[in-house]
PDB file of N, CA and C in Angstrom:
ATOM      1  N   MET A   1     117.257 112.275 104.302  1.00  0.00           N
ATOM      2  CA  MET A   1     117.384 111.204 103.908  1.00  0.00           C
ATOM      3  C   MET A   1     116.837 109.438 104.922  1.00  0.00           C
ATOM      4  N   LYS A   2     116.986 110.016 106.180  1.00  0.00           N
ATOM      5  CA  LYS A   2     116.097 109.198 107.002  1.00  0.00           C
ATOM      6  C   LYS A   2     114.593 109.289 107.029  1.00  0.00           C
ATOM      7  N   GLN A   3     114.218 110.979 107.208  1.00  0.00           N
ATOM      8  CA  GLN A   3     113.018 111.061 106.888  1.00  0.00           C
ATOM      9  C   GLN A   3     111.864 110.602 105.312  1.00  0.00           C
ATOM     10  N   PHE A   4     112.899 110.278 104.269  1.00  0.00           N
ATOM     11  CA  PHE A   4     112.621 109.688 103.158  1.00  0.00           C
ATOM     12  C   PHE A   4     112.172 107.694 103.572  1.00  0.00           C
ATOM     13  N   ILE A   5     112.874 107.274 104.355  1.00  0.00           N
ATOM     14  CA  ILE A   5     113.365 105.635 104.710  1.00  0.00           C
ATOM     15  C   ILE A   5     111.524 105.590 105.256  1.00  0.00           C
ATOM     16  N   LEU A   6     112.260 106.592 106.510  1.00  0.00           N
ATOM     17  CA  LEU A   6     110.726 106.664 107.307  1.00  0.00           C
ATOM     18  C   LEU A   6     109.176 105.923 106.832  1.00  0.00           C
ATOM     19  N   SER A   7     108.647 107.250 105.940  1.00  0.00           N
ATOM     20  CA  SER A   7     108.049 107.656 105.101  1.00  0.00           C
ATOM     21  C   SER A   7     107.351 106.489 103.871  1.00  0.00           C
ATOM     22  N   LEU A   8     108.943 105.847 103.708  1.00  0.00           N
ATOM     23  CA  LEU A   8     108.583 104.867 102.415  1.00  0.00           C
ATOM     24  C   LEU A   8     108.101 103.698 103.690  1.00  0.00           C
ATOM     25  N   ILE A   9     108.712 103.436 104.559  1.00  0.00           N
ATOM     26  CA  ILE A   9     108.628 102.231 105.237  1.00  0.00           C
ATOM     27  C   ILE A   9     107.161 102.522 105.635  1.00  0.00           C
ATOM     28  N   VAL A  10     106.569 103.146 106.535  1.00  0.00           N
ATOM     29  CA  VAL A  10     105.104 103.641 106.693  1.00  0.00           C
ATOM     30  C   VAL A  10     104.204 103.093 105.841  1.00  0.00           C
ATOM     31  N   ILE A  11     104.694 103.784 104.568  1.00  0.00           N
ATOM     32  CA  ILE A  11     103.379 103.507 103.019  1.00  0.00           C
ATOM     33  C   ILE A  11     103.355 102.505 102.731  1.00  0.00           C
ATOM     34  N   LEU A  12     104.402 101.727 102.842  1.00  0.00           N
ATOM     35  CA  LEU A  12     104.893 100.049 102.261  1.00  0.00           C
ATOM     36  C   LEU A  12     103.778  99.219 103.515  1.00  0.00           C
ATOM     37  N   ILE A  13     104.169  99.531 105.116  1.00  0.00           N
ATOM     38  CA  ILE A  13     103.323  98.682 105.701  1.00  0.00           C
ATOM     39  C   ILE A  13     101.585  99.421 105.741  1.00  0.00           C
ATOM     40  N   ALA A  14     101.232 100.019 105.169  1.00  0.00           N
ATOM     41  CA  ALA A  14      99.981 100.787 105.034  1.00  0.00           C
ATOM     42  C   ALA A  14      99.348 100.210 103.968  1.00  0.00           C
ATOM     43  N   ALA A  15      99.724  99.971 102.819  1.00  0.00           N
ATOM     44  CA  ALA A  15      99.837  99.362 101.570  1.00  0.00           C
ATOM     45  C   ALA A  15      99.576  98.370 101.810  1.00  0.00           C
ATOM     46  N   SER A  16     100.111  97.351 102.709  1.00  0.00           N
ATOM     47  CA  SER A  16      99.963  95.560 102.832  1.00  0.00           C
ATOM     48  C   SER A  16      99.048  95.415 103.901  1.00  0.00           C
ATOM     49  N   CYS A  17      98.083  96.187 104.774  1.00  0.00           N
ATOM     50  CA  CYS A  17      97.328  96.396 105.556  1.00  0.00           C
ATOM     51  C   CYS A  17      96.240  96.077 105.185  1.00  0.00           C
ATOM     52  N   THR A  18      96.088  96.508 103.845  1.00  0.00           N
ATOM     53  CA  THR A  18      94.900  97.497 103.270  1.00  0.00           C
ATOM     54  C   THR A  18      93.703  95.165 103.133  1.00  0.00           C
ATOM     55  N   LYS A  19      93.189  95.434 104.668  1.00  0.00           N
ATOM     56  CA  LYS A  19      92.433  94.493 104.576  1.00  0.00           C
ATOM     57  C   LYS A  19      90.911  94.679 103.617  1.00  0.00           C
ATOM     58  N   SER A  20      90.363  95.471 103.186  1.00  0.00           N
ATOM     59  CA  SER A  20      89.132  95.927 102.477  1.00  0.00           C
ATOM     60  C   SER A  20      89.244  95.346 101.361  1.00  0.00           C
ATOM     61  N   ASP A  21      90.764  95.388 100.905  1.00  0.00           N
ATOM     62  CA  ASP A  21      89.646  94.698  99.529  1.00  0.00           C
ATOM     63  C   ASP A  21      90.203  93.379  99.401  1.00  0.00           C
ATOM     64  N   LEU A  22      89.433  92.735 100.426  1.00  0.00           N
ATOM     65  CA  LEU A  22      89.277  90.705 101.199  1.00  0.00           C
ATOM     66  C   LEU A  22      87.904  90.586 100.864  1.00  0.00           C
ATOM     67  N   ILE A  23      87.883  89.701 100.216  1.00  0.00           N
ATOM     68  CA  ILE A  23      86.106  89.188 100.106  1.00  0.00           C
ATOM     69  C   ILE A  23      85.653  88.944 101.335  1.00  0.00           C
ATOM     70  N   PRO A  24      84.879  89.272 101.992  1.00  0.00           N
ATOM     71  CA  PRO A  24      84.894  88.822 103.776  1.00  0.00           C
ATOM     72  C   PRO A  24      84.268  87.027 103.463  1.00  0.00           C
ATOM     73  N   VAL A  25      84.831  86.801 104.793  1.00  0.00           N
ATOM     74  CA  VAL A  25      84.484  85.413 104.972  1.00  0.00           C
ATOM     75  C   VAL A  25      83.545  84.747 104.626  1.00  0.00           C
ATOM     76  N   LYS A  26      81.881  85.604 105.190  1.00  0.00           N
ATOM     77  CA  LYS A  26      80.860  84.921 104.642  1.00  0.00           C
ATOM     78  C   LYS A  26      80.241  84.868 103.300  1.00  0.00           C
ATOM     79  N   LYS A  27      80.794  86.093 102.571  1.00  0.00           N
ATOM     80  CA  LYS A  27      80.825  86.094 100.768  1.00  0.00           C
ATOM     81  C   LYS A  27      81.602  85.120  99.964  1.00  0.00           C
ATOM     82  N   MET A  28      82.950  85.305 100.846  1.00  0.00           N
ATOM     83  CA  MET A  28      83.877  83.651 100.359  1.00  0.00           C
ATOM     84  C   MET A  28      83.413  82.506 100.307  1.00  0.00           C
ATOM     85  N   SER A  29      82.689  81.992 101.378  1.00  0.00           N
ATOM     86  CA  SER A  29      82.545  80.516 101.508  1.00  0.00           C
ATOM     87  C   SER A  29      80.892  80.232 100.602  1.00  0.00           C
ATOM     88  N   LYS A  30      80.223  81.214 100.253  1.00  0.00           N
ATOM     89  CA  LYS A  30      79.262  81.409  99.423  1.00  0.00           C
ATOM     90  C   LYS A  30      80.190  81.166  97.980  1.00  0.00           C
ATOM     91  N   ILE A  31      80.996  81.681  97.282  1.00  0.00           N
ATOM     92  CA  ILE A  31      81.106  81.215  96.442  1.00  0.00           C
ATOM     93  C   ILE A  31      82.608  80.296  96.308  1.00  0.00           C
ATOM     94  N   LEU A  32      82.884  79.688  97.402  1.00  0.00           N
ATOM     95  CA  LEU A  32      83.576  78.806  96.652  1.00  0.00           C
ATOM     96  C   LEU A  32      82.810  77.549  97.023  1.00  0.00           C
ATOM     97  N   LEU A  33      81.358  77.658  97.597  1.00  0.00           N
ATOM     98  CA  LEU A  33      80.114  76.796  97.831  1.00  0.00           C
ATOM     99  C   LEU A  33      79.970  76.547  96.171  1.00  0.00           C
ATOM    100  N   ASN A  34      79.463  77.436  95.771  1.00  0.00           N
ATOM    101  CA  ASN A  34      78.891  77.783  94.095  1.00  0.00           C
ATOM    102  C   ASN A  34      80.140  76.972  93.269  1.00  0.00           C
ATOM    103  N   MET A  35      81.252  77.464  93.671  1.00  0.00           N
ATOM    104  CA  MET A  35      82.412  76.907  92.447  1.00  0.00           C
ATOM    105  C   MET A  35      82.912  75.467  92.980  1.00  0.00           C
ATOM    106  N   HIS A  36      82.714  74.875  94.115  1.00  0.00           N
ATOM    107  CA  HIS A  36      82.423  73.429  94.391  1.00  0.00           C
ATOM    108  C   HIS A  36      81.301  73.049  93.837  1.00  0.00           C
ATOM    109  N   LEU A  37      80.579  73.300  93.888  1.00  0.00           N
ATOM    110  CA  LEU A  37      78.826  72.534  92.746  1.00  0.00           C
ATOM    111  C   LEU A  37      78.927  72.622  91.936  1.00  0.00           C
ATOM    112  N   ALA A  38      79.683  73.701  91.080  1.00  0.00           N
ATOM    113  CA  ALA A  38      79.960  73.595  89.452  1.00  0.00           C
ATOM    114  C   ALA A  38      81.186  73.050  89.937  1.00  0.00           C
ATOM    115  N   GLU A  39      82.119  72.889  90.105  1.00  0.00           N
ATOM    116  CA  GLU A  39      83.349  71.596  89.946  1.00  0.00           C
ATOM    117  C   GLU A  39      83.159  69.814  89.799  1.00  0.00           C
ATOM    118  N   SER A  40      81.770  70.028  90.944  1.00  0.00           N
ATOM    119  CA  SER A  40      80.856  68.369  91.208  1.00  0.00           C
ATOM    120  C   SER A  40      80.230  68.253  89.706  1.00  0.00           C
ATOM    121  N   TYR A  41      79.606  69.090  89.381  1.00  0.00           N
ATOM    122  CA  TYR A  41      78.326  69.434  88.313  1.00  0.00           C
ATOM    123  C   TYR A  41      79.607  68.739  87.111  1.00  0.00           C
ATOM    124  N   THR A  42      80.375  69.255  86.589  1.00  0.00           N
ATOM    125  CA  THR A  42      80.977  69.572  84.965  1.00  0.00           C
ATOM    126  C   THR A  42      82.175  68.195  85.569  1.00  0.00           C
ATOM    127  N   LYS A  43      81.993  67.335  86.997  1.00  0.00           N
ATOM    128  CA  LYS A  43      82.774  66.187  86.515  1.00  0.00           C
ATOM    129  C   LYS A  43      81.448  64.949  86.687  1.00  0.00           C
ATOM    130  N   SER A  44      80.437  65.398  86.628  1.00  0.00           N
ATOM    131  CA  SER A  44      79.591  64.678  85.904  1.00  0.00           C
ATOM    132  C   SER A  44      78.819  64.835  84.385  1.00  0.00           C
ATOM    133  N   ILE A  45      79.360  65.229  84.030  1.00  0.00           N
ATOM    134  CA  ILE A  45      79.408  65.725  82.409  1.00  0.00           C
ATOM    135  C   ILE A  45      80.347  64.677  81.309  1.00  0.00           C
ATOM    136  N   PRO A  46      79.869  64.214  80.466  1.00  0.00           N
ATOM    137  CA  PRO A  46      80.283  63.916  79.354  1.00  0.00           C
ATOM    138  C   PRO A  46      81.985  63.897  79.346  1.00  0.00           C
ATOM    139  N   ARG A  47      82.649  63.804  78.699  1.00  0.00           N
ATOM    140  CA  ARG A  47      83.937  63.885  78.536  1.00  0.00           C
ATOM    141  C   ARG A  47      84.679  64.651  77.932  1.00  0.00           C
ATOM    142  N   THR A  48      83.887  64.822  76.517  1.00  0.00           N
ATOM    143  CA  THR A  48      83.387  65.837  75.855  1.00  0.00           C
ATOM    144  C   THR A  48      81.159  65.834  75.318  1.00  0.00           C
ATOM    145  N   GLN A  49      81.527  67.230  74.886  1.00  0.00           N
ATOM    146  CA  GLN A  49      79.817  67.789  75.051  1.00  0.00           C
ATOM    147  C   GLN A  49      80.101  68.522  73.785  1.00  0.00           C
ATOM    148  N   THR A  50      79.387  68.179  72.504  1.00  0.00           N
ATOM    149  CA  THR A  50      79.044  68.626  71.339  1.00  0.00           C
ATOM    150  C   THR A  50      77.772  69.491  71.321  1.00  0.00           C
ATOM    151  N   ILE A  51      78.112  71.051  71.058  1.00  0.00           N
ATOM    152  CA  ILE A  51      76.771  71.370  71.256  1.00  0.00           C
ATOM    153  C   ILE A  51      76.320  72.116  69.870  1.00  0.00           C
ATOM    154  N   PRO A  52      75.701  72.096  68.887  1.00  0.00           N
ATOM    155  CA  PRO A  52      75.101  72.473  67.888  1.00  0.00           C
ATOM    156  C   PRO A  52      75.519  74.012  67.388  1.00  0.00           C
ATOM    157  N   ASP A  53      75.951  74.421  66.429  1.00  0.00           N
ATOM    158  CA  ASP A  53      76.120  76.164  66.677  1.00  0.00           C
ATOM    159  C   ASP A  53      76.261  76.001  64.654  1.00  0.00           C
ATOM    160  N   SER A  54      76.048  77.370  64.251  1.00  0.00           N
ATOM    161  CA  SER A  54      75.714  77.781  63.289  1.00  0.00           C
ATOM    162  C   SER A  54      76.596  77.577  62.663  1.00  0.00           C
ATOM    163  N   THR A  55      77.633  77.570  62.995  1.00  0.00           N
ATOM    164  CA  THR A  55      79.153  77.020  62.470  1.00  0.00           C
ATOM    165  C   THR A  55      79.506  75.595  62.393  1.00  0.00           C
ATOM    166  N   GLY A  56      78.681  74.966  63.092  1.00  0.00           N
ATOM    167  CA  GLY A  56      78.718  73.650  62.890  1.00  0.00           C
ATOM    168  C   GLY A  56      79.143  73.203  64.208  1.00  0.00           C
ATOM    169  N   VAL A  57      79.716  72.073  64.273  1.00  0.00           N
ATOM    170  CA  VAL A  57      79.253  71.194  66.041  1.00  0.00           C
ATOM    171  C   VAL A  57      80.409  71.929  67.210  1.00  0.00           C
ATOM    172  N   ILE A  58      80.619  72.234  68.512  1.00  0.00           N
ATOM    173  CA  ILE A  58      81.347  72.991  68.983  1.00  0.00           C
ATOM    174  C   ILE A  58      81.528  71.626  70.435  1.00  0.00           C
ATOM    175  N   LEU A  59      82.599  71.223  69.948  1.00  0.00           N
ATOM    176  CA  LEU A  59      83.224  70.166  71.420  1.00  0.00           C
ATOM    177  C   LEU A  59      83.594  71.098  73.071  1.00  0.00           C
ATOM    178  N   PHE A  60      82.765  70.591  73.907  1.00  0.00           N
ATOM    179  CA  PHE A  60      83.368  71.656  74.873  1.00  0.00           C
ATOM    180  C   PHE A  60      84.162  70.457  76.088  1.00  0.00           C
ATOM    181  N   THR A  61      84.345  70.322  77.312  1.00  0.00           N
ATOM    182  CA  THR A  61      85.351  69.589  77.742  1.00  0.00           C
ATOM    183  C   THR A  61      85.054  69.988  78.958  1.00  0.00           C
ATOM    184  N   PRO A  62      84.874  69.415  80.636  1.00  0.00           N
ATOM    185  CA  PRO A  62      84.171  69.894  81.428  1.00  0.00           C
ATOM    186  C   PRO A  62      85.110  70.724  81.883  1.00  0.00           C
ATOM    187  N   GLU A  63      86.491  70.979  81.465  1.00  0.00           N
ATOM    188  CA  GLU A  63      87.283  71.319  82.125  1.00  0.00           C
ATOM    189  C   GLU A  63      87.074  73.150  81.336  1.00  0.00           C
ATOM    190  N   ASP A  64      86.108  73.200  80.393  1.00  0.00           N
ATOM    191  CA  ASP A  64      85.935  74.599  79.534  1.00  0.00           C
ATOM    192  C   ASP A  64      84.512  75.227  80.468  1.00  0.00           C
ATOM    193  N   SER A  65      83.724  73.511  80.528  1.00  0.00           N
ATOM    194  CA  SER A  65      82.389  74.578  81.323  1.00  0.00           C
ATOM    195  C   SER A  65      83.038  75.086  83.172  1.00  0.00           C
ATOM    196  N   LEU A  66      83.847  74.148  83.679  1.00  0.00           N
ATOM    197  CA  LEU A  66      84.155  74.552  84.721  1.00  0.00           C
ATOM    198  C   LEU A  66      84.666  76.212  84.923  1.00  0.00           C
ATOM    199  N   LEU A  67      85.619  76.987  83.496  1.00  0.00           N
ATOM    200  CA  LEU A  67      85.804  77.956  83.535  1.00  0.00           C
ATOM    201  C   LEU A  67      84.698  78.939  83.716  1.00  0.00           C
ATOM    202  N   LYS A  68      84.029  78.586  82.539  1.00  0.00           N
ATOM    203  CA  LYS A  68      82.920  79.339  82.307  1.00  0.00           C
ATOM    204  C   LYS A  68      81.953  79.521  83.107  1.00  0.00           C
ATOM    205  N   TYR A  69      81.745  78.174  84.072  1.00  0.00           N
ATOM    206  CA  TYR A  69      80.753  78.297  84.874  1.00  0.00           C
ATOM    207  C   TYR A  69      81.030  79.209  86.336  1.00  0.00           C
ATOM    208  N   ASN A  70      82.799  79.197  86.488  1.00  0.00           N
ATOM    209  CA  ASN A  70      83.392  80.134  87.592  1.00  0.00           C
ATOM    210  C   ASN A  70      83.564  81.881  87.566  1.00  0.00           C
ATOM    211  N   ALA A  71      83.169  81.828  86.244  1.00  0.00           N
ATOM    212  CA  ALA A  71      83.539  83.541  85.403  1.00  0.00           C
ATOM    213  C   ALA A  71      81.854  83.823  86.152  1.00  0.00           C
ATOM    214  N   MET A  72      80.847  82.856  85.511  1.00  0.00           N
ATOM    215  CA  MET A  72      79.778  83.962  85.494  1.00  0.00           C
ATOM    216  C   MET A  72      79.810  83.639  87.257  1.00  0.00           C
ATOM    217  N   ILE A  73      79.576  82.357  88.320  1.00  0.00           N
ATOM    218  CA  ILE A  73      79.616  82.713  89.576  1.00  0.00           C
ATOM    219  C   ILE A  73      80.163  84.275  89.765  1.00  0.00           C
ATOM    220  N   LEU A  74      81.597  84.147  89.415  1.00  0.00           N
ATOM    221  CA  LEU A  74      82.258  85.644  90.489  1.00  0.00           C
ATOM    222  C   LEU A  74      81.656  86.747  89.752  1.00  0.00           C
ATOM    223  N   LYS A  75      81.299  86.805  88.501  1.00  0.00           N
ATOM    224  CA  LYS A  75      79.870  88.405  88.263  1.00  0.00           C
ATOM    225  C   LYS A  75      79.290  88.250  88.532  1.00  0.00           C
ATOM    226  N   ASP A  76      78.663  87.428  89.126  1.00  0.00           N
ATOM    227  CA  ASP A  76      77.225  86.972  89.735  1.00  0.00           C
ATOM    228  C   ASP A  76      77.513  88.265  91.881  1.00  0.00           C
ATOM    229  N   PHE A  77      78.685  87.624  92.186  1.00  0.00           N
ATOM    230  CA  PHE A  77      79.066  87.659  92.932  1.00  0.00           C
ATOM    231  C   PHE A  77      79.661  89.678  93.090  1.00  0.00           C
ATOM    232  N   GLY A  78      79.694  90.078  91.971  1.00  0.00           N
ATOM    233  CA  GLY A  78      80.140  91.211  92.107  1.00  0.00           C
ATOM    234  C   GLY A  78      82.085  91.414  92.115  1.00  0.00           C
ATOM    235  N   ILE A  79      82.564  90.255  91.649  1.00  0.00           N
ATOM    236  CA  ILE A  79      83.510  89.911  92.408  1.00  0.00           C
ATOM    237  C   ILE A  79      84.959  90.046  91.029  1.00  0.00           C
ATOM    238  N   SER A  80      86.002  90.523  90.938  1.00  0.00           N
ATOM    239  CA  SER A  80      87.158  89.811  89.597  1.00  0.00           C
ATOM    240  C   SER A  80      87.810  88.889  90.490  1.00  0.00           C
ATOM    241  N   LYS A  81      88.457  88.169  88.882  1.00  0.00           N
ATOM    242  CA  LYS A  81      88.984  86.996  89.247  1.00  0.00           C
ATOM    243  C   LYS A  81      90.249  87.009  89.741  1.00  0.00           C
ATOM    244  N   THR A  82      91.058  88.396  89.936  1.00  0.00           N
ATOM    245  CA  THR A  82      92.288  89.194  90.706  1.00  0.00           C
ATOM    246  C   THR A  82      91.906  89.225  92.169  1.00  0.00           C
ATOM    247  N   GLU A  83      90.805  89.868  92.267  1.00  0.00           N
ATOM    248  CA  GLU A  83      89.834  90.461  93.793  1.00  0.00           C
ATOM    249  C   GLU A  83      90.070  88.661  94.207  1.00  0.00           C
ATOM    250  N   PHE A  84      88.979  87.827  94.199  1.00  0.00           N
ATOM    251  CA  PHE A  84      89.002  86.189  94.293  1.00  0.00           C
ATOM    252  C   PHE A  84      90.350  85.724  94.968  1.00  0.00           C
ATOM    253  N   GLN A  85      91.326  85.471  93.771  1.00  0.00           N
ATOM    254  CA  GLN A  85      92.891  84.951  93.900  1.00  0.00           C
ATOM    255  C   GLN A  85      93.552  85.731  95.158  1.00  0.00           C
ATOM    256  N   ASN A  86      93.415  86.890  95.214  1.00  0.00           N
ATOM    257  CA  ASN A  86      94.092  87.460  96.120  1.00  0.00           C
ATOM    258  C   ASN A  86      93.253  86.900  97.953  1.00  0.00           C
ATOM    259  N   SER A  87      91.853  87.275  98.081  1.00  0.00           N
ATOM    260  CA  SER A  87      91.763  86.974  98.497  1.00  0.00           C
ATOM    261  C   SER A  87      92.165  85.186  99.276  1.00  0.00           C
ATOM    262  N   LEU A  88      91.651  84.537  97.990  1.00  0.00           N
ATOM    263  CA  LEU A  88      91.993  82.996  98.150  1.00  0.00           C
ATOM    264  C   LEU A  88      93.201  82.922  98.611  1.00  0.00           C
ATOM    265  N   ASP A  89      94.364  83.864  98.219  1.00  0.00           N
ATOM    266  CA  ASP A  89      96.089  83.522  99.119  1.00  0.00           C
ATOM    267  C   ASP A  89      96.125  83.645 100.056  1.00  0.00           C
ATOM    268  N   HIS A  90      95.423  85.068 100.565  1.00  0.00           N
ATOM    269  CA  HIS A  90      95.497  85.341 101.911  1.00  0.00           C
ATOM    270  C   HIS A  90      94.507  84.886 102.735  1.00  0.00           C
ATOM    271  N   TYR A  91      93.298  83.734 102.824  1.00  0.00           N
ATOM    272  CA  TYR A  91      92.913  82.834 103.326  1.00  0.00           C
ATOM    273  C   TYR A  91      93.671  81.902 103.620  1.00  0.00           C
ATOM    274  N   LYS A  92      94.257  81.334 101.957  1.00  0.00           N
ATOM    275  CA  LYS A  92      95.378  80.404 102.824  1.00  0.00           C
ATOM    276  C   LYS A  92      96.339  79.927 103.505  1.00  0.00           C
ATOM    277  N   LYS A  93      96.410  81.975 104.099  1.00  0.00           N
ATOM    278  CA  LYS A  93      97.912  82.069 105.055  1.00  0.00           C
ATOM    279  C   LYS A  93      97.456  81.722 106.280  1.00  0.00           C
ATOM    280  N   ASP A  94      96.346  81.822 106.509  1.00  0.00           N
ATOM    281  CA  ASP A  94      95.309  81.369 107.819  1.00  0.00           C
ATOM    282  C   ASP A  94      94.800  80.064 107.902  1.00  0.00           C
ATOM    283  N   PRO A  95      95.156  79.041 108.056  1.00  0.00           N
ATOM    284  CA  PRO A  95      94.416  77.907 108.141  1.00  0.00           C
ATOM    285  C   PRO A  95      93.361  77.828 109.253  1.00  0.00           C
ATOM    286  N   VAL A  96      93.237  78.236 109.857  1.00  0.00           N
ATOM    287  CA  VAL A  96      91.742  78.369 111.099  1.00  0.00           C
ATOM    288  C   VAL A  96      90.956  79.172 110.743  1.00  0.00           C
ATOM    289  N   LEU A  97      91.493  80.026 109.626  1.00  0.00           N
ATOM    290  CA  LEU A  97      90.469  81.328 109.040  1.00  0.00           C
ATOM    291  C   LEU A  97      90.089  80.431 107.833  1.00  0.00           C
ATOM    292  N   LEU A  98      90.698  79.793 107.120  1.00  0.00           N
ATOM    293  CA  LEU A  98      89.903  78.997 105.993  1.00  0.00           C
ATOM    294  C   LEU A  98      89.706  77.744 106.047  1.00  0.00           C
ATOM    295  N   ASP A  99      89.869  76.931 107.308  1.00  0.00           N
ATOM    296  CA  ASP A  99      88.824  75.978 108.725  1.00  0.00           C
ATOM    297  C   ASP A  99      87.618  76.919 108.402  1.00  0.00           C
ATOM    298  N   SER A 100      87.244  77.568 109.156  1.00  0.00           N
ATOM    299  CA  SER A 100      86.225  78.172 109.645  1.00  0.00           C
ATOM    300  C   SER A 100      85.226  78.801 108.131  1.00  0.00           C
ATOM    301  N   ILE A 101      85.788  78.861 107.056  1.00  0.00           N
ATOM    302  CA  ILE A 101      85.434  78.981 105.509  1.00  0.00           C
ATOM    303  C   ILE A 101      84.681  77.899 105.232  1.00  0.00           C
ATOM    304  N   TYR A 102      85.458  76.493 105.105  1.00  0.00           N
ATOM    305  CA  TYR A 102      84.856  75.467 104.722  1.00  0.00           C
ATOM    306  C   TYR A 102      84.129  75.045 105.346  1.00  0.00           C
ATOM    307  N   GLN A 103      83.756  75.048 107.287  1.00  0.00           N
ATOM    308  CA  GLN A 103      82.951  74.848 108.008  1.00  0.00           C
ATOM    309  C   GLN A 103      80.813  75.603 107.791  1.00  0.00           C
ATOM    310  N   MET A 104      81.538  76.852 107.306  1.00  0.00           N
ATOM    311  CA  MET A 104      80.386  77.160 106.976  1.00  0.00           C
ATOM    312  C   MET A 104      80.237  76.523 105.148  1.00  0.00           C
ATOM    313  N   ILE A 105      80.638  76.239 104.847  1.00  0.00           N
ATOM    314  CA  ILE A 105      79.895  75.481 103.365  1.00  0.00           C
ATOM    315  C   ILE A 105      79.759  74.532 103.717  1.00  0.00           C
ATOM    316  N   LEU A 106      80.458  73.139 104.683  1.00  0.00           N
ATOM    317  CA  LEU A 106      79.524  72.177 104.942  1.00  0.00           C
ATOM    318  C   LEU A 106      78.408  72.357 105.854  1.00  0.00           C
ATOM    319  N   SER A 107      78.354  72.785 106.244  1.00  0.00           N
ATOM    320  CA  SER A 107      76.897  73.980 106.671  1.00  0.00           C
ATOM    321  C   SER A 107      76.181  74.315 106.151  1.00  0.00           C
ATOM    322  N   ASP A 108      76.488  74.635 104.909  1.00  0.00           N
ATOM    323  CA  ASP A 108      75.524  75.122 103.654  1.00  0.00           C
ATOM    324  C   ASP A 108      74.872  73.713 102.913  1.00  0.00           C
ATOM    325  N   ILE A 109      75.711  72.789 102.973  1.00  0.00           N
ATOM    326  CA  ILE A 109      75.744  71.620 101.861  1.00  0.00           C
ATOM    327  C   ILE A 109      74.870  70.955 103.096  1.00  0.00           C
ATOM    328  N   ALA A 110      75.399  70.855 104.059  1.00  0.00           N
ATOM    329  CA  ALA A 110      74.066  70.183 105.425  1.00  0.00           C
ATOM    330  C   ALA A 110      72.411  70.484 104.938  1.00  0.00           C
ATOM    331  N   ILE A 111      72.155  71.770 104.992  1.00  0.00           N
ATOM    332  CA  ILE A 111      71.025  72.191 104.239  1.00  0.00           C
ATOM    333  C   ILE A 111      70.630  72.391 103.071  1.00  0.00           C
ATOM    334  N   MET A 112      70.959  72.270 102.016  1.00  0.00           N
ATOM    335  CA  MET A 112      70.835  71.471 100.552  1.00  0.00           C
ATOM    336  C   MET A 112      70.097  70.368 100.927  1.00  0.00           C
ATOM    337  N   GLN A 113      70.693  69.867 101.756  1.00  0.00           N
ATOM    338  CA  GLN A 113      70.772  68.324 101.543  1.00  0.00           C
ATOM    339  C   GLN A 113      69.515  68.046 102.604  1.00  0.00           C
ATOM    340  N   ALA A 114      69.151  68.740 103.465  1.00  0.00           N
ATOM    341  CA  ALA A 114      67.928  68.496 104.231  1.00  0.00           C
ATOM    342  C   ALA A 114      67.101  68.910 103.255  1.00  0.00           C
ATOM    343  N   LYS A 115      66.641  69.752 102.617  1.00  0.00           N
ATOM    344  CA  LYS A 115      65.776  70.540 101.622  1.00  0.00           C
ATOM    345  C   LYS A 115      65.971  69.825 100.764  1.00  0.00           C
ATOM    346  N   THR A 116      66.590  68.632  99.953  1.00  0.00           N
ATOM    347  CA  THR A 116      66.389  67.592  99.018  1.00  0.00           C
ATOM    348  C   THR A 116      65.657  66.653  99.430  1.00  0.00           C
ATOM    349  N   PRO A 117      64.663  66.043  98.719  1.00  0.00           N
ATOM    350  CA  PRO A 117      63.816  65.212  98.933  1.00  0.00           C
ATOM    351  C   PRO A 117      64.248  64.228  98.406  1.00  0.00           C
ATOM    352  N   THR A 118      64.080  62.950  99.637  1.00  0.00           N
ATOM    353  CA  THR A 118      64.984  61.622  98.935  1.00  0.00           C
ATOM    354  C   THR A 118      64.037  60.640  97.878  1.00  0.00           C
ATOM    355  N   LYS A 119      64.877  59.861  97.395  1.00  0.00           N
ATOM    356  CA  LYS A 119      64.221  58.987  96.792  1.00  0.00           C
ATOM    357  C   LYS A 119      63.309  58.104  96.943  1.00  0.00           C
TER     358      LYS A 119
END
């Protein structure tokens, strides 16, 4: 019985320590950057957007669009929604690490702004 409990503890510890399932920090920063850009874009579109369809007119809200953009972003990066959410939850538990991810995002935004011609 003692050996069984010890084995169970070892298995639980090993299962909880699988960092290989985490999205690497650099990749996570790129995913979040794209998601924040998509969110910014969707906030700039009209509250409802009509799109002609063969069956009539379809109404889309910015929230609909954001869900689609986020799904496309995750697909482009080869990440499932579950992998993303698990990694995000992990990084939220470590504020210093999450802050470093957002520092990378801010750096990438600064580079993007420097490359954008001013009007």
